[in-house]
Amino acid sequence: MSLYTATSEVTIALAVVKTLVLIVGGLVTFFALKAYRRTRQRALGLLAGGFGLVTLGLAFAGLLHEILDVSLELGVLAESVLVLAGFTVIAYSLYVQ
């Protein structure tokens, strides 16, 4: 197997996994938002927002790199900042009543 073939297979696998992350993360965010709308509990609204940020962040690096031609390092930094913000919001949502 040549290096090119291995690289392209990894690229395809990464695209598939990131797409699945977006789908499943979107579903988790949707259900959390649906629970918030049903109960109007602020914590569930924050939880939905946190999951949305994490989901967006997990797909952001590749998106920036492939579509906007941003360096991979800068894309990963942006991804990490969004994931950190999302987890911070999730932690806060679990802390508040």
PDB file of N, CA and C in Angstrom:
ATOM      1  N   MET A   1       0.847  -1.178   0.000  1.00  0.00           N
ATOM      2  CA  MET A   1       0.000   0.000   0.000  1.00  0.00           C
ATOM      3  C   MET A   1       0.890   1.237   0.000  1.00  0.00           C
ATOM      4  N   SER A   2       0.651   2.127  -0.908  1.00  0.00           N
ATOM      5  CA  SER A   2       1.460   3.327  -0.985  1.00  0.00           C
ATOM      6  C   SER A   2       1.013   4.338   0.070  1.00  0.00           C
ATOM      7  N   LEU A   3       1.882   5.305   0.331  1.00  0.00           N
ATOM      8  CA  LEU A   3       1.568   6.350   1.301  1.00  0.00           C
ATOM      9  C   LEU A   3       0.359   7.148   0.838  1.00  0.00           C
ATOM     10  N   TYR A   4       0.246   7.409  -0.465  1.00  0.00           N
ATOM     11  CA  TYR A   4      -0.890   8.175  -0.989  1.00  0.00           C
ATOM     12  C   TYR A   4      -2.200   7.460  -0.718  1.00  0.00           C
ATOM     13  N   THR A   5      -2.243   6.159  -0.946  1.00  0.00           N
ATOM     14  CA  THR A   5      -3.460   5.392  -0.724  1.00  0.00           C
ATOM     15  C   THR A   5      -3.835   5.398   0.753  1.00  0.00           C
ATOM     16  N   ALA A   6      -2.865   5.210   1.631  1.00  0.00           N
ATOM     17  CA  ALA A   6      -3.142   5.218   3.068  1.00  0.00           C
ATOM     18  C   ALA A   6      -3.645   6.587   3.510  1.00  0.00           C
ATOM     19  N   THR A   7      -3.042   7.636   2.992  1.00  0.00           N
ATOM     20  CA  THR A   7      -3.457   8.987   3.351  1.00  0.00           C
ATOM     21  C   THR A   7      -4.871   9.263   2.866  1.00  0.00           C
ATOM     22  N   SER A   8      -5.190   8.874   1.648  1.00  0.00           N
ATOM     23  CA  SER A   8      -6.529   9.145   1.141  1.00  0.00           C
ATOM     24  C   SER A   8      -7.568   8.305   1.878  1.00  0.00           C
ATOM     25  N   GLU A   9      -7.214   7.084   2.286  1.00  0.00           N
ATOM     26  CA  GLU A   9      -8.145   6.266   3.063  1.00  0.00           C
ATOM     27  C   GLU A   9      -8.398   6.877   4.436  1.00  0.00           C
ATOM     28  N   VAL A  10      -7.360   7.413   5.048  1.00  0.00           N
ATOM     29  CA  VAL A  10      -7.521   8.072   6.342  1.00  0.00           C
ATOM     30  C   VAL A  10      -8.364   9.331   6.184  1.00  0.00           C
ATOM     31  N   THR A  11      -8.156  10.071   5.117  1.00  0.00           N
ATOM     32  CA  THR A  11      -8.938  11.275   4.861  1.00  0.00           C
ATOM     33  C   THR A  11     -10.416  10.940   4.698  1.00  0.00           C
ATOM     34  N   ILE A  12     -10.710   9.894   3.967  1.00  0.00           N
ATOM     35  CA  ILE A  12     -12.097   9.467   3.788  1.00  0.00           C
ATOM     36  C   ILE A  12     -12.695   9.013   5.116  1.00  0.00           C
ATOM     37  N   ALA A  13     -11.940   8.225   5.870  1.00  0.00           N
ATOM     38  CA  ALA A  13     -12.423   7.761   7.173  1.00  0.00           C
ATOM     39  C   ALA A  13     -12.678   8.942   8.106  1.00  0.00           C
ATOM     40  N   LEU A  14     -11.789   9.917   8.088  1.00  0.00           N
ATOM     41  CA  LEU A  14     -11.960  11.104   8.923  1.00  0.00           C
ATOM     42  C   LEU A  14     -13.210  11.880   8.531  1.00  0.00           C
ATOM     43  N   ALA A  15     -13.445  12.023   7.239  1.00  0.00           N
ATOM     44  CA  ALA A  15     -14.644  12.722   6.773  1.00  0.00           C
ATOM     45  C   ALA A  15     -15.912  11.983   7.204  1.00  0.00           C
ATOM     46  N   VAL A  16     -15.889  10.658   7.131  1.00  0.00           N
ATOM     47  CA  VAL A  16     -17.054   9.855   7.545  1.00  0.00           C
ATOM     48  C   VAL A  16     -17.287  10.014   9.046  1.00  0.00           C
ATOM     49  N   VAL A  17     -16.225   9.905   9.839  1.00  0.00           N
ATOM     50  CA  VAL A  17     -16.366  10.010  11.294  1.00  0.00           C
ATOM     51  C   VAL A  17     -16.837  11.406  11.698  1.00  0.00           C
ATOM     52  N   LYS A  18     -16.266  12.436  11.100  1.00  0.00           N
ATOM     53  CA  LYS A  18     -16.685  13.808  11.422  1.00  0.00           C
ATOM     54  C   LYS A  18     -18.146  14.041  11.033  1.00  0.00           C
ATOM     55  N   THR A  19     -18.572  13.467   9.921  1.00  0.00           N
ATOM     56  CA  THR A  19     -19.974  13.583   9.520  1.00  0.00           C
ATOM     57  C   THR A  19     -20.879  12.896  10.537  1.00  0.00           C
ATOM     58  N   LEU A  20     -20.484  11.723  10.992  1.00  0.00           N
ATOM     59  CA  LEU A  20     -21.261  11.015  12.010  1.00  0.00           C
ATOM     60  C   LEU A  20     -21.285  11.790  13.328  1.00  0.00           C
ATOM     61  N   VAL A  21     -20.182  12.427  13.682  1.00  0.00           N
ATOM     62  CA  VAL A  21     -20.140  13.265  14.883  1.00  0.00           C
ATOM     63  C   VAL A  21     -21.149  14.405  14.754  1.00  0.00           C
ATOM     64  N   LEU A  22     -21.194  15.022  13.584  1.00  0.00           N
ATOM     65  CA  LEU A  22     -22.161  16.096  13.368  1.00  0.00           C
ATOM     66  C   LEU A  22     -23.599  15.595  13.481  1.00  0.00           C
ATOM     67  N   ILE A  23     -23.874  14.436  12.916  1.00  0.00           N
ATOM     68  CA  ILE A  23     -25.230  13.886  12.956  1.00  0.00           C
ATOM     69  C   ILE A  23     -25.625  13.527  14.390  1.00  0.00           C
ATOM     70  N   VAL A  24     -24.784  12.755  15.068  1.00  0.00           N
ATOM     71  CA  VAL A  24     -25.116  12.321  16.433  1.00  0.00           C
ATOM     72  C   VAL A  24     -25.102  13.515  17.397  1.00  0.00           C
ATOM     73  N   GLY A  25     -24.116  14.380  17.272  1.00  0.00           N
ATOM     74  CA  GLY A  25     -24.073  15.578  18.115  1.00  0.00           C
ATOM     75  C   GLY A  25     -25.263  16.483  17.863  1.00  0.00           C
ATOM     76  N   GLY A  26     -25.670  16.575  16.609  1.00  0.00           N
ATOM     77  CA  GLY A  26     -26.866  17.351  16.277  1.00  0.00           C
ATOM     78  C   GLY A  26     -28.112  16.757  16.904  1.00  0.00           C
ATOM     79  N   LEU A  27     -28.205  15.432  16.909  1.00  0.00           N
ATOM     80  CA  LEU A  27     -29.349  14.770  17.542  1.00  0.00           C
ATOM     81  C   LEU A  27     -29.362  15.007  19.054  1.00  0.00           C
ATOM     82  N   VAL A  28     -28.212  14.885  19.694  1.00  0.00           N
ATOM     83  CA  VAL A  28     -28.132  15.130  21.136  1.00  0.00           C
ATOM     84  C   VAL A  28     -28.530  16.574  21.442  1.00  0.00           C
ATOM     85  N   THR A  29     -28.021  17.503  20.647  1.00  0.00           N
ATOM     86  CA  THR A  29     -28.368  18.918  20.824  1.00  0.00           C
ATOM     87  C   THR A  29     -29.860  19.135  20.608  1.00  0.00           C
ATOM     88  N   PHE A  30     -30.422  18.519  19.572  1.00  0.00           N
ATOM     89  CA  PHE A  30     -31.846  18.644  19.275  1.00  0.00           C
ATOM     90  C   PHE A  30     -32.696  18.138  20.436  1.00  0.00           C
ATOM     91  N   PHE A  31     -32.354  16.953  20.980  1.00  0.00           N
ATOM     92  CA  PHE A  31     -33.143  16.391  22.071  1.00  0.00           C
ATOM     93  C   PHE A  31     -33.008  17.223  23.347  1.00  0.00           C
ATOM     94  N   ALA A  32     -31.814  17.764  23.598  1.00  0.00           N
ATOM     95  CA  ALA A  32     -31.644  18.637  24.764  1.00  0.00           C
ATOM     96  C   ALA A  32     -32.452  19.917  24.589  1.00  0.00           C
ATOM     97  N   LEU A  33     -32.466  20.465  23.379  1.00  0.00           N
ATOM     98  CA  LEU A  33     -33.263  21.664  23.102  1.00  0.00           C
ATOM     99  C   LEU A  33     -34.755  21.369  23.217  1.00  0.00           C
ATOM    100  N   LYS A  34     -35.159  20.213  22.742  1.00  0.00           N
ATOM    101  CA  LYS A  34     -36.560  19.798  22.845  1.00  0.00           C
ATOM    102  C   LYS A  34     -36.976  19.661  24.317  1.00  0.00           C
ATOM    103  N   ALA A  35     -36.085  19.091  25.142  1.00  0.00           N
ATOM    104  CA  ALA A  35     -36.367  18.970  26.574  1.00  0.00           C
ATOM    105  C   ALA A  35     -36.463  20.349  27.220  1.00  0.00           C
ATOM    106  N   TYR A  36     -35.588  21.272  26.786  1.00  0.00           N
ATOM    107  CA  TYR A  36     -35.650  22.637  27.315  1.00  0.00           C
ATOM    108  C   TYR A  36     -36.971  23.299  26.961  1.00  0.00           C
ATOM    109  N   ARG A  37     -37.402  23.167  25.728  1.00  0.00           N
ATOM    110  CA  ARG A  37     -38.662  23.783  25.303  1.00  0.00           C
ATOM    111  C   ARG A  37     -39.858  23.201  26.047  1.00  0.00           C
ATOM    112  N   ARG A  38     -39.765  21.925  26.382  1.00  0.00           N
ATOM    113  CA  ARG A  38     -40.869  21.276  27.090  1.00  0.00           C
ATOM    114  C   ARG A  38     -40.916  21.723  28.557  1.00  0.00           C
ATOM    115  N   THR A  39     -39.747  21.864  29.184  1.00  0.00           N
ATOM    116  CA  THR A  39     -39.703  22.144  30.623  1.00  0.00           C
ATOM    117  C   THR A  39     -39.397  23.601  30.956  1.00  0.00           C
ATOM    118  N   ARG A  40     -38.778  24.319  30.036  1.00  0.00           N
ATOM    119  CA  ARG A  40     -38.322  25.699  30.243  1.00  0.00           C
ATOM    120  C   ARG A  40     -37.329  25.821  31.398  1.00  0.00           C
ATOM    121  N   GLN A  41     -36.600  24.748  31.669  1.00  0.00           N
ATOM    122  CA  GLN A  41     -35.559  24.801  32.694  1.00  0.00           C
ATOM    123  C   GLN A  41     -34.292  25.369  32.082  1.00  0.00           C
ATOM    124  N   ARG A  42     -33.797  26.421  32.695  1.00  0.00           N
ATOM    125  CA  ARG A  42     -32.616  27.122  32.168  1.00  0.00           C
ATOM    126  C   ARG A  42     -31.427  26.178  32.003  1.00  0.00           C
ATOM    127  N   ALA A  43     -31.265  25.252  32.938  1.00  0.00           N
ATOM    128  CA  ALA A  43     -30.128  24.325  32.882  1.00  0.00           C
ATOM    129  C   ALA A  43     -30.172  23.480  31.611  1.00  0.00           C
ATOM    130  N   LEU A  44     -31.356  23.072  31.193  1.00  0.00           N
ATOM    131  CA  LEU A  44     -31.465  22.276  29.962  1.00  0.00           C
ATOM    132  C   LEU A  44     -31.174  23.124  28.724  1.00  0.00           C
ATOM    133  N   GLY A  45     -31.527  24.395  28.764  1.00  0.00           N
ATOM    134  CA  GLY A  45     -31.180  25.289  27.662  1.00  0.00           C
ATOM    135  C   GLY A  45     -29.673  25.466  27.541  1.00  0.00           C
ATOM    136  N   LEU A  46     -29.033  25.637  28.700  1.00  0.00           N
ATOM    137  CA  LEU A  46     -27.567  25.745  28.696  1.00  0.00           C
ATOM    138  C   LEU A  46     -26.928  24.449  28.225  1.00  0.00           C
ATOM    139  N   LEU A  47     -27.475  23.326  28.666  1.00  0.00           N
ATOM    140  CA  LEU A  47     -26.952  22.021  28.248  1.00  0.00           C
ATOM    141  C   LEU A  47     -27.030  21.876  26.726  1.00  0.00           C
ATOM    142  N   ALA A  48     -28.163  22.258  26.162  1.00  0.00           N
ATOM    143  CA  ALA A  48     -28.326  22.195  24.699  1.00  0.00           C
ATOM    144  C   ALA A  48     -27.304  23.089  24.004  1.00  0.00           C
ATOM    145  N   GLY A  49     -27.114  24.292  24.524  1.00  0.00           N
ATOM    146  CA  GLY A  49     -26.123  25.192  23.939  1.00  0.00           C
ATOM    147  C   GLY A  49     -24.714  24.645  24.035  1.00  0.00           C
ATOM    148  N   GLY A  50     -24.398  24.036  25.167  1.00  0.00           N
ATOM    149  CA  GLY A  50     -23.072  23.440  25.347  1.00  0.00           C
ATOM    150  C   GLY A  50     -22.832  22.302  24.379  1.00  0.00           C
ATOM    151  N   PHE A  51     -23.826  21.428  24.239  1.00  0.00           N
ATOM    152  CA  PHE A  51     -23.683  20.331  23.275  1.00  0.00           C
ATOM    153  C   PHE A  51     -23.554  20.864  21.853  1.00  0.00           C
ATOM    154  N   GLY A  52     -24.278  21.929  21.552  1.00  0.00           N
ATOM    155  CA  GLY A  52     -24.163  22.535  20.229  1.00  0.00           C
ATOM    156  C   GLY A  52     -22.765  23.069  19.965  1.00  0.00           C
ATOM    157  N   LEU A  53     -22.185  23.733  20.961  1.00  0.00           N
ATOM    158  CA  LEU A  53     -20.818  24.252  20.804  1.00  0.00           C
ATOM    159  C   LEU A  53     -19.803  23.128  20.633  1.00  0.00           C
ATOM    160  N   VAL A  54     -19.938  22.077  21.431  1.00  0.00           N
ATOM    161  CA  VAL A  54     -19.010  20.942  21.314  1.00  0.00           C
ATOM    162  C   VAL A  54     -19.137  20.306  19.934  1.00  0.00           C
ATOM    163  N   THR A  55     -20.364  20.097  19.485  1.00  0.00           N
ATOM    164  CA  THR A  55     -20.585  19.484  18.171  1.00  0.00           C
ATOM    165  C   THR A  55     -19.993  20.347  17.062  1.00  0.00           C
ATOM    166  N   LEU A  56     -20.264  21.636  17.122  1.00  0.00           N
ATOM    167  CA  LEU A  56     -19.708  22.557  16.125  1.00  0.00           C
ATOM    168  C   LEU A  56     -18.189  22.543  16.176  1.00  0.00           C
ATOM    169  N   GLY A  57     -17.645  22.575  17.387  1.00  0.00           N
ATOM    170  CA  GLY A  57     -16.193  22.588  17.544  1.00  0.00           C
ATOM    171  C   GLY A  57     -15.526  21.346  16.993  1.00  0.00           C
ATOM    172  N   LEU A  58     -16.161  20.187  17.186  1.00  0.00           N
ATOM    173  CA  LEU A  58     -15.552  18.939  16.729  1.00  0.00           C
ATOM    174  C   LEU A  58     -15.469  18.844  15.203  1.00  0.00           C
ATOM    175  N   ALA A  59     -16.265  19.601  14.503  1.00  0.00           N
ATOM    176  CA  ALA A  59     -16.230  19.564  13.046  1.00  0.00           C
ATOM    177  C   ALA A  59     -15.517  20.780  12.451  1.00  0.00           C
ATOM    178  N   PHE A  60     -15.145  21.725  13.285  1.00  0.00           N
ATOM    179  CA  PHE A  60     -14.688  23.021  12.802  1.00  0.00           C
ATOM    180  C   PHE A  60     -13.308  23.004  12.163  1.00  0.00           C
ATOM    181  N   ALA A  61     -12.362  22.263  12.719  1.00  0.00           N
ATOM    182  CA  ALA A  61     -10.983  22.300  12.225  1.00  0.00           C
ATOM    183  C   ALA A  61     -10.894  21.864  10.772  1.00  0.00           C
ATOM    184  N   GLY A  62     -11.478  20.731  10.465  1.00  0.00           N
ATOM    185  CA  GLY A  62     -11.450  20.244   9.090  1.00  0.00           C
ATOM    186  C   GLY A  62     -12.184  21.158   8.139  1.00  0.00           C
ATOM    187  N   LEU A  63     -13.296  21.702   8.593  1.00  0.00           N
ATOM    188  CA  LEU A  63     -14.080  22.619   7.774  1.00  0.00           C
ATOM    189  C   LEU A  63     -13.268  23.862   7.419  1.00  0.00           C
ATOM    190  N   LEU A  64     -12.645  24.441   8.427  1.00  0.00           N
ATOM    191  CA  LEU A  64     -11.819  25.624   8.166  1.00  0.00           C
ATOM    192  C   LEU A  64     -10.652  25.299   7.242  1.00  0.00           C
ATOM    193  N   HIS A  65     -10.022  24.156   7.487  1.00  0.00           N
ATOM    194  CA  HIS A  65      -8.845  23.774   6.710  1.00  0.00           C
ATOM    195  C   HIS A  65      -9.209  23.483   5.249  1.00  0.00           C
ATOM    196  N   GLU A  66     -10.257  22.726   5.029  1.00  0.00           N
ATOM    197  CA  GLU A  66     -10.623  22.301   3.677  1.00  0.00           C
ATOM    198  C   GLU A  66     -11.330  23.391   2.875  1.00  0.00           C
ATOM    199  N   ILE A  67     -12.226  24.129   3.492  1.00  0.00           N
ATOM    200  CA  ILE A  67     -13.055  25.085   2.741  1.00  0.00           C
ATOM    201  C   ILE A  67     -12.444  26.480   2.701  1.00  0.00           C
ATOM    202  N   LEU A  68     -11.935  26.950   3.837  1.00  0.00           N
ATOM    203  CA  LEU A  68     -11.417  28.319   3.905  1.00  0.00           C
ATOM    204  C   LEU A  68      -9.901  28.397   3.807  1.00  0.00           C
ATOM    205  N   ASP A  69      -9.243  27.245   3.613  1.00  0.00           N
ATOM    206  CA  ASP A  69      -7.791  27.181   3.442  1.00  0.00           C
ATOM    207  C   ASP A  69      -7.023  27.785   4.621  1.00  0.00           C
ATOM    208  N   VAL A  70      -7.568  27.619   5.820  1.00  0.00           N
ATOM    209  CA  VAL A  70      -6.889  28.036   7.043  1.00  0.00           C
ATOM    210  C   VAL A  70      -5.901  26.937   7.410  1.00  0.00           C
ATOM    211  N   SER A  71      -4.782  27.296   8.017  1.00  0.00           N
ATOM    212  CA  SER A  71      -3.807  26.273   8.410  1.00  0.00           C
ATOM    213  C   SER A  71      -4.471  25.282   9.364  1.00  0.00           C
ATOM    214  N   LEU A  72      -4.023  24.051   9.301  1.00  0.00           N
ATOM    215  CA  LEU A  72      -4.603  23.006  10.145  1.00  0.00           C
ATOM    216  C   LEU A  72      -4.420  23.341  11.629  1.00  0.00           C
ATOM    217  N   GLU A  73      -3.274  23.911  11.976  1.00  0.00           N
ATOM    218  CA  GLU A  73      -3.014  24.263  13.368  1.00  0.00           C
ATOM    219  C   GLU A  73      -4.013  25.292  13.878  1.00  0.00           C
ATOM    220  N   LEU A  74      -4.280  26.324  13.075  1.00  0.00           N
ATOM    221  CA  LEU A  74      -5.238  27.358  13.461  1.00  0.00           C
ATOM    222  C   LEU A  74      -6.649  26.772  13.531  1.00  0.00           C
ATOM    223  N   GLY A  75      -6.975  25.876  12.620  1.00  0.00           N
ATOM    224  CA  GLY A  75      -8.272  25.210  12.653  1.00  0.00           C
ATOM    225  C   GLY A  75      -8.454  24.376  13.904  1.00  0.00           C
ATOM    226  N   VAL A  76      -7.408  23.641  14.286  1.00  0.00           N
ATOM    227  CA  VAL A  76      -7.472  22.822  15.503  1.00  0.00           C
ATOM    228  C   VAL A  76      -7.585  23.721  16.733  1.00  0.00           C
ATOM    229  N   LEU A  77      -6.900  24.867  16.723  1.00  0.00           N
ATOM    230  CA  LEU A  77      -7.021  25.813  17.836  1.00  0.00           C
ATOM    231  C   LEU A  77      -8.454  26.321  17.952  1.00  0.00           C
ATOM    232  N   ALA A  78      -9.061  26.711  16.830  1.00  0.00           N
ATOM    233  CA  ALA A  78     -10.451  27.179  16.846  1.00  0.00           C
ATOM    234  C   ALA A  78     -11.384  26.070  17.328  1.00  0.00           C
ATOM    235  N   GLU A  79     -11.150  24.855  16.860  1.00  0.00           N
ATOM    236  CA  GLU A  79     -11.936  23.701  17.292  1.00  0.00           C
ATOM    237  C   GLU A  79     -11.821  23.521  18.806  1.00  0.00           C
ATOM    238  N   SER A  80     -10.621  23.585  19.323  1.00  0.00           N
ATOM    239  CA  SER A  80     -10.389  23.380  20.750  1.00  0.00           C
ATOM    240  C   SER A  80     -11.044  24.464  21.594  1.00  0.00           C
ATOM    241  N   VAL A  81     -11.014  25.698  21.113  1.00  0.00           N
ATOM    242  CA  VAL A  81     -11.657  26.794  21.844  1.00  0.00           C
ATOM    243  C   VAL A  81     -13.167  26.565  21.908  1.00  0.00           C
ATOM    244  N   LEU A  82     -13.767  26.144  20.807  1.00  0.00           N
ATOM    245  CA  LEU A  82     -15.212  25.872  20.807  1.00  0.00           C
ATOM    246  C   LEU A  82     -15.567  24.693  21.706  1.00  0.00           C
ATOM    247  N   VAL A  83     -14.766  23.641  21.661  1.00  0.00           N
ATOM    248  CA  VAL A  83     -15.014  22.485  22.527  1.00  0.00           C
ATOM    249  C   VAL A  83     -14.861  22.889  23.992  1.00  0.00           C
ATOM    250  N   LEU A  84     -13.839  23.663  24.324  1.00  0.00           N
ATOM    251  CA  LEU A  84     -13.648  24.149  25.688  1.00  0.00           C
ATOM    252  C   LEU A  84     -14.844  24.990  26.132  1.00  0.00           C
ATOM    253  N   ALA A  85     -15.288  25.892  25.274  1.00  0.00           N
ATOM    254  CA  ALA A  85     -16.453  26.724  25.609  1.00  0.00           C
ATOM    255  C   ALA A  85     -17.688  25.850  25.821  1.00  0.00           C
ATOM    256  N   GLY A  86     -17.873  24.865  24.961  1.00  0.00           N
ATOM    257  CA  GLY A  86     -19.023  23.972  25.089  1.00  0.00           C
ATOM    258  C   GLY A  86     -18.997  23.192  26.381  1.00  0.00           C
ATOM    259  N   PHE A  87     -17.848  22.630  26.729  1.00  0.00           N
ATOM    260  CA  PHE A  87     -17.744  21.879  27.976  1.00  0.00           C
ATOM    261  C   PHE A  87     -17.910  22.792  29.191  1.00  0.00           C
ATOM    262  N   THR A  88     -17.461  24.036  29.088  1.00  0.00           N
ATOM    263  CA  THR A  88     -17.656  24.996  30.174  1.00  0.00           C
ATOM    264  C   THR A  88     -19.143  25.267  30.379  1.00  0.00           C
ATOM    265  N   VAL A  89     -19.871  25.466  29.282  1.00  0.00           N
ATOM    266  CA  VAL A  89     -21.318  25.695  29.370  1.00  0.00           C
ATOM    267  C   VAL A  89     -22.022  24.454  29.912  1.00  0.00           C
ATOM    268  N   ILE A  90     -21.612  23.259  29.467  1.00  0.00           N
ATOM    269  CA  ILE A  90     -22.209  22.018  29.976  1.00  0.00           C
ATOM    270  C   ILE A  90     -21.950  21.896  31.477  1.00  0.00           C
ATOM    271  N   ALA A  91     -20.727  22.144  31.917  1.00  0.00           N
ATOM    272  CA  ALA A  91     -20.407  22.063  33.346  1.00  0.00           C
ATOM    273  C   ALA A  91     -21.245  23.058  34.137  1.00  0.00           C
ATOM    274  N   TYR A  92     -21.379  24.263  33.622  1.00  0.00           N
ATOM    275  CA  TYR A  92     -22.194  25.275  34.302  1.00  0.00           C
ATOM    276  C   TYR A  92     -23.655  24.844  34.356  1.00  0.00           C
ATOM    277  N   SER A  93     -24.140  24.254  33.267  1.00  0.00           N
ATOM    278  CA  SER A  93     -25.549  23.827  33.244  1.00  0.00           C
ATOM    279  C   SER A  93     -25.811  22.740  34.273  1.00  0.00           C
ATOM    280  N   LEU A  94     -24.824  21.903  34.544  1.00  0.00           N
ATOM    281  CA  LEU A  94     -24.976  20.860  35.556  1.00  0.00           C
ATOM    282  C   LEU A  94     -24.831  21.402  36.973  1.00  0.00           C
ATOM    283  N   TYR A  95     -24.225  22.567  37.103  1.00  0.00           N
ATOM    284  CA  TYR A  95     -24.012  23.195  38.414  1.00  0.00           C
ATOM    285  C   TYR A  95     -25.236  23.993  38.855  1.00  0.00           C
ATOM    286  N   VAL A  96     -25.848  24.726  37.927  1.00  0.00           N
ATOM    287  CA  VAL A  96     -26.988  25.583  38.295  1.00  0.00           C
ATOM    288  C   VAL A  96     -28.251  24.749  38.489  1.00  0.00           C
ATOM    289  N   GLN A  97     -29.169  25.289  39.249  1.00  0.00           N
ATOM    290  CA  GLN A  97     -30.453  24.587  39.465  1.00  0.00           C
ATOM    291  C   GLN A  97     -31.436  24.970  38.409  1.00  0.00           C
TER     292      GLN A  97
END
